[in-house]
Amino acid sequence: MYGLISSIKTVPGEREALIAILVEGASGMSGCLSYVVAKDPSSDDTIWITEVWDSQASHEASLTLPSVQEAIARGGPLIAEFSQRHVTEPVGGHGLSRD
């Protein structure tokens, strides 16, 4: 499995709008086992995204999907900065199965 944990700082006051775009654009991504968008309770302008994929190739392929490309185009102007990005290797847990 392939995982990513990222934080994004939004333009002030745009966090809810970016969350809606990211959640909407997350459907139909082949190989995506989990895609969670969360608010950072310590910052009104920060969100965290936790992703689990069956492979890095599936993640890379998702970036070419029309729904993902549209989310990138719509969400880009709402992003002030990409704060952190960590690649992980998920090994299991509630909601994930290793086939």
PDB file of N, CA and C in Angstrom:
ATOM      1  N   MET A   1       0.833  -1.186   0.000  1.00  0.00           N
ATOM      2  CA  MET A   1       0.000   0.000   0.000  1.00  0.00           C
ATOM      3  C   MET A   1       0.879   1.251   0.000  1.00  0.00           C
ATOM      4  N   TYR A   2       0.285   2.348  -0.403  1.00  0.00           N
ATOM      5  CA  TYR A   2       0.968   3.637  -0.498  1.00  0.00           C
ATOM      6  C   TYR A   2       0.108   4.663   0.217  1.00  0.00           C
ATOM      7  N   GLY A   3       0.719   5.479   1.061  1.00  0.00           N
ATOM      8  CA  GLY A   3      -0.036   6.479   1.800  1.00  0.00           C
ATOM      9  C   GLY A   3       0.565   7.860   1.710  1.00  0.00           C
ATOM     10  N   LEU A   4      -0.280   8.850   1.885  1.00  0.00           N
ATOM     11  CA  LEU A   4       0.137  10.242   1.948  1.00  0.00           C
ATOM     12  C   LEU A   4      -0.614  10.926   3.078  1.00  0.00           C
ATOM     13  N   ILE A   5       0.093  11.757   3.813  1.00  0.00           N
ATOM     14  CA  ILE A   5      -0.526  12.622   4.814  1.00  0.00           C
ATOM     15  C   ILE A   5      -0.035  14.027   4.497  1.00  0.00           C
ATOM     16  N   SER A   6      -0.974  14.922   4.212  1.00  0.00           N
ATOM     17  CA  SER A   6      -0.621  16.267   3.776  1.00  0.00           C
ATOM     18  C   SER A   6      -1.420  17.308   4.535  1.00  0.00           C
ATOM     19  N   SER A   7      -0.825  18.477   4.712  1.00  0.00           N
ATOM     20  CA  SER A   7      -1.594  19.600   5.241  1.00  0.00           C
ATOM     21  C   SER A   7      -1.526  20.740   4.233  1.00  0.00           C
ATOM     22  N   ILE A   8      -2.641  21.425   4.148  1.00  0.00           N
ATOM     23  CA  ILE A   8      -2.777  22.552   3.229  1.00  0.00           C
ATOM     24  C   ILE A   8      -3.302  23.739   4.022  1.00  0.00           C
ATOM     25  N   LYS A   9      -2.656  24.875   3.847  1.00  0.00           N
ATOM     26  CA  LYS A   9      -3.151  26.122   4.434  1.00  0.00           C
ATOM     27  C   LYS A   9      -3.933  26.851   3.348  1.00  0.00           C
ATOM     28  N   THR A  10      -5.173  27.194   3.652  1.00  0.00           N
ATOM     29  CA  THR A  10      -6.010  27.871   2.675  1.00  0.00           C
ATOM     30  C   THR A  10      -5.883  29.384   2.800  1.00  0.00           C
ATOM     31  N   VAL A  11      -6.338  30.064   1.767  1.00  0.00           N
ATOM     32  CA  VAL A  11      -6.508  31.509   1.828  1.00  0.00           C
ATOM     33  C   VAL A  11      -7.492  31.766   2.976  1.00  0.00           C
ATOM     34  N   PRO A  12      -7.281  32.788   3.795  1.00  0.00           N
ATOM     35  CA  PRO A  12      -8.185  33.036   4.929  1.00  0.00           C
ATOM     36  C   PRO A  12      -9.658  33.016   4.521  1.00  0.00           C
ATOM     37  N   GLY A  13     -10.424  32.242   5.280  1.00  0.00           N
ATOM     38  CA  GLY A  13     -11.863  32.144   5.070  1.00  0.00           C
ATOM     39  C   GLY A  13     -12.307  31.173   3.994  1.00  0.00           C
ATOM     40  N   GLU A  14     -11.388  30.457   3.369  1.00  0.00           N
ATOM     41  CA  GLU A  14     -11.733  29.564   2.257  1.00  0.00           C
ATOM     42  C   GLU A  14     -11.633  28.076   2.594  1.00  0.00           C
ATOM     43  N   ARG A  15     -11.421  27.753   3.872  1.00  0.00           N
ATOM     44  CA  ARG A  15     -11.241  26.345   4.235  1.00  0.00           C
ATOM     45  C   ARG A  15     -12.468  25.499   3.881  1.00  0.00           C
ATOM     46  N   GLU A  16     -13.655  25.956   4.221  1.00  0.00           N
ATOM     47  CA  GLU A  16     -14.858  25.156   3.957  1.00  0.00           C
ATOM     48  C   GLU A  16     -15.054  24.924   2.459  1.00  0.00           C
ATOM     49  N   ALA A  17     -14.776  25.948   1.659  1.00  0.00           N
ATOM     50  CA  ALA A  17     -14.930  25.811   0.209  1.00  0.00           C
ATOM     51  C   ALA A  17     -13.942  24.783  -0.344  1.00  0.00           C
ATOM     52  N   LEU A  18     -12.698  24.812   0.123  1.00  0.00           N
ATOM     53  CA  LEU A  18     -11.709  23.842  -0.360  1.00  0.00           C
ATOM     54  C   LEU A  18     -12.067  22.431   0.101  1.00  0.00           C
ATOM     55  N   ILE A  19     -12.523  22.296   1.324  1.00  0.00           N
ATOM     56  CA  ILE A  19     -12.947  20.975   1.811  1.00  0.00           C
ATOM     57  C   ILE A  19     -14.036  20.405   0.900  1.00  0.00           C
ATOM     58  N   ALA A  20     -15.025  21.210   0.566  1.00  0.00           N
ATOM     59  CA  ALA A  20     -16.118  20.742  -0.297  1.00  0.00           C
ATOM     60  C   ALA A  20     -15.592  20.285  -1.651  1.00  0.00           C
ATOM     61  N   ILE A  21     -14.676  21.032  -2.226  1.00  0.00           N
ATOM     62  CA  ILE A  21     -14.104  20.676  -3.529  1.00  0.00           C
ATOM     63  C   ILE A  21     -13.329  19.365  -3.439  1.00  0.00           C
ATOM     64  N   LEU A  22     -12.510  19.211  -2.401  1.00  0.00           N
ATOM     65  CA  LEU A  22     -11.703  17.997  -2.255  1.00  0.00           C
ATOM     66  C   LEU A  22     -12.564  16.765  -2.020  1.00  0.00           C
ATOM     67  N   VAL A  23     -13.580  16.895  -1.193  1.00  0.00           N
ATOM     68  CA  VAL A  23     -14.453  15.754  -0.904  1.00  0.00           C
ATOM     69  C   VAL A  23     -15.233  15.358  -2.162  1.00  0.00           C
ATOM     70  N   GLU A  24     -15.733  16.345  -2.865  1.00  0.00           N
ATOM     71  CA  GLU A  24     -16.489  16.086  -4.088  1.00  0.00           C
ATOM     72  C   GLU A  24     -15.611  15.426  -5.155  1.00  0.00           C
ATOM     73  N   GLY A  25     -14.368  15.861  -5.276  1.00  0.00           N
ATOM     74  CA  GLY A  25     -13.477  15.330  -6.299  1.00  0.00           C
ATOM     75  C   GLY A  25     -12.876  13.983  -5.977  1.00  0.00           C
ATOM     76  N   ALA A  26     -13.137  13.471  -4.775  1.00  0.00           N
ATOM     77  CA  ALA A  26     -12.499  12.229  -4.332  1.00  0.00           C
ATOM     78  C   ALA A  26     -13.215  10.968  -4.791  1.00  0.00           C
ATOM     79  N   SER A  27     -14.375  11.080  -5.374  1.00  0.00           N
ATOM     80  CA  SER A  27     -15.111   9.870  -5.741  1.00  0.00           C
ATOM     81  C   SER A  27     -14.578   9.265  -7.034  1.00  0.00           C
ATOM     82  N   GLY A  28     -14.707   7.954  -7.142  1.00  0.00           N
ATOM     83  CA  GLY A  28     -14.365   7.256  -8.367  1.00  0.00           C
ATOM     84  C   GLY A  28     -12.880   7.124  -8.656  1.00  0.00           C
ATOM     85  N   MET A  29     -12.046   7.170  -7.629  1.00  0.00           N
ATOM     86  CA  MET A  29     -10.604   7.038  -7.840  1.00  0.00           C
ATOM     87  C   MET A  29     -10.213   5.575  -7.650  1.00  0.00           C
ATOM     88  N   SER A  30      -9.935   4.906  -8.747  1.00  0.00           N
ATOM     89  CA  SER A  30      -9.585   3.492  -8.704  1.00  0.00           C
ATOM     90  C   SER A  30      -8.315   3.276  -7.883  1.00  0.00           C
ATOM     91  N   GLY A  31      -8.370   2.322  -6.984  1.00  0.00           N
ATOM     92  CA  GLY A  31      -7.221   2.009  -6.146  1.00  0.00           C
ATOM     93  C   GLY A  31      -7.152   2.801  -4.861  1.00  0.00           C
ATOM     94  N   CYS A  32      -8.072   3.754  -4.682  1.00  0.00           N
ATOM     95  CA  CYS A  32      -8.089   4.543  -3.449  1.00  0.00           C
ATOM     96  C   CYS A  32      -8.844   3.769  -2.366  1.00  0.00           C
ATOM     97  N   LEU A  33      -8.145   3.428  -1.307  1.00  0.00           N
ATOM     98  CA  LEU A  33      -8.743   2.680  -0.208  1.00  0.00           C
ATOM     99  C   LEU A  33      -9.302   3.593   0.872  1.00  0.00           C
ATOM    100  N   SER A  34      -8.733   4.791   0.973  1.00  0.00           N
ATOM    101  CA  SER A  34      -9.188   5.751   1.970  1.00  0.00           C
ATOM    102  C   SER A  34      -8.736   7.145   1.566  1.00  0.00           C
ATOM    103  N   TYR A  35      -9.651   8.118   1.686  1.00  0.00           N
ATOM    104  CA  TYR A  35      -9.326   9.517   1.401  1.00  0.00           C
ATOM    105  C   TYR A  35     -10.107  10.337   2.412  1.00  0.00           C
ATOM    106  N   VAL A  36      -9.403  10.862   3.397  1.00  0.00           N
ATOM    107  CA  VAL A  36     -10.050  11.574   4.502  1.00  0.00           C
ATOM    108  C   VAL A  36      -9.558  13.008   4.524  1.00  0.00           C
ATOM    109  N   VAL A  37     -10.496  13.944   4.521  1.00  0.00           N
ATOM    110  CA  VAL A  37     -10.198  15.365   4.636  1.00  0.00           C
ATOM    111  C   VAL A  37     -10.649  15.790   6.027  1.00  0.00           C
ATOM    112  N   ALA A  38      -9.759  16.453   6.774  1.00  0.00           N
ATOM    113  CA  ALA A  38     -10.070  16.825   8.155  1.00  0.00           C
ATOM    114  C   ALA A  38      -9.664  18.272   8.424  1.00  0.00           C
ATOM    115  N   LYS A  39     -10.417  18.918   9.300  1.00  0.00           N
ATOM    116  CA  LYS A  39     -10.082  20.271   9.743  1.00  0.00           C
ATOM    117  C   LYS A  39      -9.020  20.193  10.827  1.00  0.00           C
ATOM    118  N   ASP A  40      -8.085  21.124  10.801  1.00  0.00           N
ATOM    119  CA  ASP A  40      -7.106  21.255  11.880  1.00  0.00           C
ATOM    120  C   ASP A  40      -7.750  22.138  12.949  1.00  0.00           C
ATOM    121  N   PRO A  41      -8.017  21.592  14.142  1.00  0.00           N
ATOM    122  CA  PRO A  41      -8.695  22.386  15.172  1.00  0.00           C
ATOM    123  C   PRO A  41      -7.860  23.537  15.722  1.00  0.00           C
ATOM    124  N   SER A  42      -6.564  23.546  15.442  1.00  0.00           N
ATOM    125  CA  SER A  42      -5.711  24.618  15.968  1.00  0.00           C
ATOM    126  C   SER A  42      -5.496  25.753  14.959  1.00  0.00           C
ATOM    127  N   SER A  43      -6.069  25.616  13.759  1.00  0.00           N
ATOM    128  CA  SER A  43      -5.886  26.634  12.722  1.00  0.00           C
ATOM    129  C   SER A  43      -7.145  26.720  11.861  1.00  0.00           C
ATOM    130  N   ASP A  44      -7.731  27.889  11.788  1.00  0.00           N
ATOM    131  CA  ASP A  44      -8.953  28.078  11.005  1.00  0.00           C
ATOM    132  C   ASP A  44      -8.741  27.946   9.501  1.00  0.00           C
ATOM    133  N   ASP A  45      -7.494  27.941   9.061  1.00  0.00           N
ATOM    134  CA  ASP A  45      -7.200  27.913   7.632  1.00  0.00           C
ATOM    135  C   ASP A  45      -6.425  26.675   7.190  1.00  0.00           C
ATOM    136  N   THR A  46      -6.372  25.646   8.030  1.00  0.00           N
ATOM    137  CA  THR A  46      -5.579  24.460   7.696  1.00  0.00           C
ATOM    138  C   THR A  46      -6.448  23.215   7.643  1.00  0.00           C
ATOM    139  N   ILE A  47      -6.176  22.386   6.640  1.00  0.00           N
ATOM    140  CA  ILE A  47      -6.811  21.073   6.547  1.00  0.00           C
ATOM    141  C   ILE A  47      -5.732  20.009   6.425  1.00  0.00           C
ATOM    142  N   TRP A  48      -6.092  18.792   6.791  1.00  0.00           N
ATOM    143  CA  TRP A  48      -5.224  17.623   6.651  1.00  0.00           C
ATOM    144  C   TRP A  48      -5.918  16.636   5.723  1.00  0.00           C
ATOM    145  N   ILE A  49      -5.131  16.012   4.869  1.00  0.00           N
ATOM    146  CA  ILE A  49      -5.649  14.982   3.978  1.00  0.00           C
ATOM    147  C   ILE A  49      -4.840  13.715   4.212  1.00  0.00           C
ATOM    148  N   THR A  50      -5.542  12.633   4.500  1.00  0.00           N
ATOM    149  CA  THR A  50      -4.899  11.339   4.716  1.00  0.00           C
ATOM    150  C   THR A  50      -5.406  10.397   3.627  1.00  0.00           C
ATOM    151  N   GLU A  51      -4.479   9.842   2.859  1.00  0.00           N
ATOM    152  CA  GLU A  51      -4.833   8.979   1.735  1.00  0.00           C
ATOM    153  C   GLU A  51      -4.169   7.618   1.880  1.00  0.00           C
ATOM    154  N   VAL A  52      -4.895   6.566   1.493  1.00  0.00           N
ATOM    155  CA  VAL A  52      -4.323   5.226   1.402  1.00  0.00           C
ATOM    156  C   VAL A  52      -4.717   4.668   0.042  1.00  0.00           C
ATOM    157  N   TRP A  53      -3.712   4.192  -0.673  1.00  0.00           N
ATOM    158  CA  TRP A  53      -3.882   3.660  -2.020  1.00  0.00           C
ATOM    159  C   TRP A  53      -3.360   2.235  -2.084  1.00  0.00           C
ATOM    160  N   ASP A  54      -3.862   1.480  -3.034  1.00  0.00           N
ATOM    161  CA  ASP A  54      -3.336   0.115  -3.186  1.00  0.00           C
ATOM    162  C   ASP A  54      -1.912   0.136  -3.736  1.00  0.00           C
ATOM    163  N   SER A  55      -1.525   1.253  -4.420  1.00  0.00           N
ATOM    164  CA  SER A  55      -0.162   1.375  -4.940  1.00  0.00           C
ATOM    165  C   SER A  55       0.130   2.839  -5.281  1.00  0.00           C
ATOM    166  N   GLN A  56       1.394   3.157  -5.403  1.00  0.00           N
ATOM    167  CA  GLN A  56       1.781   4.507  -5.819  1.00  0.00           C
ATOM    168  C   GLN A  56       1.299   4.773  -7.245  1.00  0.00           C
ATOM    169  N   ALA A  57       1.322   3.758  -8.085  1.00  0.00           N
ATOM    170  CA  ALA A  57       0.867   3.910  -9.471  1.00  0.00           C
ATOM    171  C   ALA A  57      -0.604   4.321  -9.530  1.00  0.00           C
ATOM    172  N   SER A  58      -1.428   3.756  -8.657  1.00  0.00           N
ATOM    173  CA  SER A  58      -2.845   4.139  -8.625  1.00  0.00           C
ATOM    174  C   SER A  58      -3.005   5.601  -8.223  1.00  0.00           C
ATOM    175  N   HIS A  59      -2.211   6.037  -7.254  1.00  0.00           N
ATOM    176  CA  HIS A  59      -2.266   7.445  -6.855  1.00  0.00           C
ATOM    177  C   HIS A  59      -1.884   8.345  -8.028  1.00  0.00           C
ATOM    178  N   GLU A  60      -0.790   8.024  -8.691  1.00  0.00           N
ATOM    179  CA  GLU A  60      -0.330   8.835  -9.818  1.00  0.00           C
ATOM    180  C   GLU A  60      -1.359   8.853 -10.947  1.00  0.00           C
ATOM    181  N   ALA A  61      -1.992   7.721 -11.210  1.00  0.00           N
ATOM    182  CA  ALA A  61      -3.017   7.649 -12.254  1.00  0.00           C
ATOM    183  C   ALA A  61      -4.231   8.505 -11.898  1.00  0.00           C
ATOM    184  N   SER A  62      -4.545   8.603 -10.613  1.00  0.00           N
ATOM    185  CA  SER A  62      -5.709   9.393 -10.194  1.00  0.00           C
ATOM    186  C   SER A  62      -5.555  10.863 -10.551  1.00  0.00           C
ATOM    187  N   LEU A  63      -4.326  11.332 -10.629  1.00  0.00           N
ATOM    188  CA  LEU A  63      -4.087  12.747 -10.914  1.00  0.00           C
ATOM    189  C   LEU A  63      -4.479  13.122 -12.341  1.00  0.00           C
ATOM    190  N   THR A  64      -4.712  12.130 -13.192  1.00  0.00           N
ATOM    191  CA  THR A  64      -5.118  12.401 -14.571  1.00  0.00           C
ATOM    192  C   THR A  64      -6.630  12.325 -14.767  1.00  0.00           C
ATOM    193  N   LEU A  65      -7.365  11.911 -13.748  1.00  0.00           N
ATOM    194  CA  LEU A  65      -8.823  11.798 -13.860  1.00  0.00           C
ATOM    195  C   LEU A  65      -9.456  13.175 -14.037  1.00  0.00           C
ATOM    196  N   PRO A  66     -10.475  13.286 -14.883  1.00  0.00           N
ATOM    197  CA  PRO A  66     -11.147  14.569 -15.068  1.00  0.00           C
ATOM    198  C   PRO A  66     -11.669  15.175 -13.762  1.00  0.00           C
ATOM    199  N   SER A  67     -12.235  14.361 -12.874  1.00  0.00           N
ATOM    200  CA  SER A  67     -12.763  14.893 -11.611  1.00  0.00           C
ATOM    201  C   SER A  67     -11.648  15.463 -10.736  1.00  0.00           C
ATOM    202  N   VAL A  68     -10.487  14.822 -10.750  1.00  0.00           N
ATOM    203  CA  VAL A  68      -9.350  15.304  -9.963  1.00  0.00           C
ATOM    204  C   VAL A  68      -8.762  16.564 -10.605  1.00  0.00           C
ATOM    205  N   GLN A  69      -8.645  16.572 -11.918  1.00  0.00           N
ATOM    206  CA  GLN A  69      -8.152  17.757 -12.617  1.00  0.00           C
ATOM    207  C   GLN A  69      -9.063  18.960 -12.368  1.00  0.00           C
ATOM    208  N   GLU A  70     -10.374  18.727 -12.367  1.00  0.00           N
ATOM    209  CA  GLU A  70     -11.336  19.807 -12.091  1.00  0.00           C
ATOM    210  C   GLU A  70     -11.180  20.308 -10.656  1.00  0.00           C
ATOM    211  N   ALA A  71     -11.015  19.388  -9.710  1.00  0.00           N
ATOM    212  CA  ALA A  71     -10.830  19.784  -8.306  1.00  0.00           C
ATOM    213  C   ALA A  71      -9.549  20.610  -8.149  1.00  0.00           C
ATOM    214  N   ILE A  72      -8.498  20.221  -8.839  1.00  0.00           N
ATOM    215  CA  ILE A  72      -7.239  20.971  -8.777  1.00  0.00           C
ATOM    216  C   ILE A  72      -7.442  22.383  -9.327  1.00  0.00           C
ATOM    217  N   ALA A  73      -8.123  22.493 -10.448  1.00  0.00           N
ATOM    218  CA  ALA A  73      -8.357  23.804 -11.066  1.00  0.00           C
ATOM    219  C   ALA A  73      -9.228  24.695 -10.182  1.00  0.00           C
ATOM    220  N   ARG A  74     -10.281  24.123  -9.606  1.00  0.00           N
ATOM    221  CA  ARG A  74     -11.183  24.906  -8.753  1.00  0.00           C
ATOM    222  C   ARG A  74     -10.556  25.236  -7.412  1.00  0.00           C
ATOM    223  N   GLY A  75      -9.804  24.305  -6.856  1.00  0.00           N
ATOM    224  CA  GLY A  75      -9.246  24.493  -5.520  1.00  0.00           C
ATOM    225  C   GLY A  75      -7.962  25.289  -5.472  1.00  0.00           C
ATOM    226  N   GLY A  76      -7.206  25.284  -6.550  1.00  0.00           N
ATOM    227  CA  GLY A  76      -5.913  25.964  -6.577  1.00  0.00           C
ATOM    228  C   GLY A  76      -5.931  27.392  -6.052  1.00  0.00           C
ATOM    229  N   PRO A  77      -6.867  28.227  -6.499  1.00  0.00           N
ATOM    230  CA  PRO A  77      -6.885  29.613  -6.032  1.00  0.00           C
ATOM    231  C   PRO A  77      -7.204  29.766  -4.537  1.00  0.00           C
ATOM    232  N   LEU A  78      -7.715  28.710  -3.917  1.00  0.00           N
ATOM    233  CA  LEU A  78      -8.068  28.764  -2.493  1.00  0.00           C
ATOM    234  C   LEU A  78      -6.913  28.353  -1.584  1.00  0.00           C
ATOM    235  N   ILE A  79      -5.807  27.894  -2.180  1.00  0.00           N
ATOM    236  CA  ILE A  79      -4.669  27.380  -1.419  1.00  0.00           C
ATOM    237  C   ILE A  79      -3.616  28.473  -1.245  1.00  0.00           C
ATOM    238  N   ALA A  80      -3.258  28.721   0.015  1.00  0.00           N
ATOM    239  CA  ALA A  80      -2.181  29.674   0.319  1.00  0.00           C
ATOM    240  C   ALA A  80      -0.826  28.971   0.270  1.00  0.00           C
ATOM    241  N   GLU A  81      -0.770  27.740   0.807  1.00  0.00           N
ATOM    242  CA  GLU A  81       0.476  26.972   0.753  1.00  0.00           C
ATOM    243  C   GLU A  81       0.229  25.513   1.086  1.00  0.00           C
ATOM    244  N   PHE A  82       1.095  24.663   0.536  1.00  0.00           N
ATOM    245  CA  PHE A  82       1.124  23.257   0.912  1.00  0.00           C
ATOM    246  C   PHE A  82       2.117  23.169   2.066  1.00  0.00           C
ATOM    247  N   SER A  83       1.616  22.908   3.264  1.00  0.00           N
ATOM    248  CA  SER A  83       2.454  23.001   4.455  1.00  0.00           C
ATOM    249  C   SER A  83       3.349  21.783   4.671  1.00  0.00           C
ATOM    250  N   GLN A  84       2.758  20.604   4.635  1.00  0.00           N
ATOM    251  CA  GLN A  84       3.520  19.382   4.889  1.00  0.00           C
ATOM    252  C   GLN A  84       3.033  18.280   3.954  1.00  0.00           C
ATOM    253  N   ARG A  85       3.932  17.352   3.649  1.00  0.00           N
ATOM    254  CA  ARG A  85       3.564  16.180   2.846  1.00  0.00           C
ATOM    255  C   ARG A  85       4.480  15.039   3.258  1.00  0.00           C
ATOM    256  N   HIS A  86       3.868  13.959   3.699  1.00  0.00           N
ATOM    257  CA  HIS A  86       4.628  12.801   4.144  1.00  0.00           C
ATOM    258  C   HIS A  86       4.122  11.556   3.423  1.00  0.00           C
ATOM    259  N   VAL A  87       5.025  10.811   2.833  1.00  0.00           N
ATOM    260  CA  VAL A  87       4.699   9.527   2.228  1.00  0.00           C
ATOM    261  C   VAL A  87       4.776   8.476   3.326  1.00  0.00           C
ATOM    262  N   THR A  88       3.783   7.593   3.361  1.00  0.00           N
ATOM    263  CA  THR A  88       3.763   6.523   4.353  1.00  0.00           C
ATOM    264  C   THR A  88       3.568   5.180   3.656  1.00  0.00           C
ATOM    265  N   GLU A  89       3.765   4.118   4.410  1.00  0.00           N
ATOM    266  CA  GLU A  89       3.518   2.770   3.927  1.00  0.00           C
ATOM    267  C   GLU A  89       2.514   2.111   4.867  1.00  0.00           C
ATOM    268  N   PRO A  90       1.210   2.291   4.596  1.00  0.00           N
ATOM    269  CA  PRO A  90       0.192   1.706   5.472  1.00  0.00           C
ATOM    270  C   PRO A  90       0.329   0.187   5.540  1.00  0.00           C
ATOM    271  N   VAL A  91       0.097  -0.355   6.727  1.00  0.00           N
ATOM    272  CA  VAL A  91       0.206  -1.795   6.909  1.00  0.00           C
ATOM    273  C   VAL A  91      -1.105  -2.427   7.361  1.00  0.00           C
ATOM    274  N   GLY A  92      -2.108  -1.625   7.661  1.00  0.00           N
ATOM    275  CA  GLY A  92      -3.406  -2.161   8.065  1.00  0.00           C
ATOM    276  C   GLY A  92      -4.047  -1.284   9.103  1.00  0.00           C
ATOM    277  N   GLY A  93      -5.164  -1.718   9.584  1.00  0.00           N
ATOM    278  CA  GLY A  93      -5.916  -0.970  10.581  1.00  0.00           C
ATOM    279  C   GLY A  93      -7.397  -1.054  10.282  1.00  0.00           C
ATOM    280  N   HIS A  94      -8.191  -0.449  11.118  1.00  0.00           N
ATOM    281  CA  HIS A  94      -9.632  -0.472  10.959  1.00  0.00           C
ATOM    282  C   HIS A  94     -10.012   0.130   9.606  1.00  0.00           C
ATOM    283  N   GLY A  95     -10.771  -0.594   8.823  1.00  0.00           N
ATOM    284  CA  GLY A  95     -11.204  -0.113   7.528  1.00  0.00           C
ATOM    285  C   GLY A  95     -10.274  -0.462   6.376  1.00  0.00           C
ATOM    286  N   LEU A  96      -9.100  -0.973   6.654  1.00  0.00           N
ATOM    287  CA  LEU A  96      -8.175  -1.358   5.591  1.00  0.00           C
ATOM    288  C   LEU A  96      -7.934  -2.847   5.650  1.00  0.00           C
ATOM    289  N   SER A  97      -7.885  -3.448   4.471  1.00  0.00           N
ATOM    290  CA  SER A  97      -7.555  -4.869   4.431  1.00  0.00           C
ATOM    291  C   SER A  97      -6.375  -5.072   3.490  1.00  0.00           C
ATOM    292  N   ARG A  98      -5.560  -5.996   3.815  1.00  0.00           N
ATOM    293  CA  ARG A  98      -4.431  -6.375   2.933  1.00  0.00           C
ATOM    294  C   ARG A  98      -4.865  -7.609   2.170  1.00  0.00           C
ATOM    295  N   ASP A  99      -5.060  -7.427   0.889  1.00  0.00           N
ATOM    296  CA  ASP A  99      -5.493  -8.570   0.064  1.00  0.00           C
ATOM    297  C   ASP A  99      -4.333  -9.449  -0.302  1.00  0.00           C
TER     298      ASP A  99
END
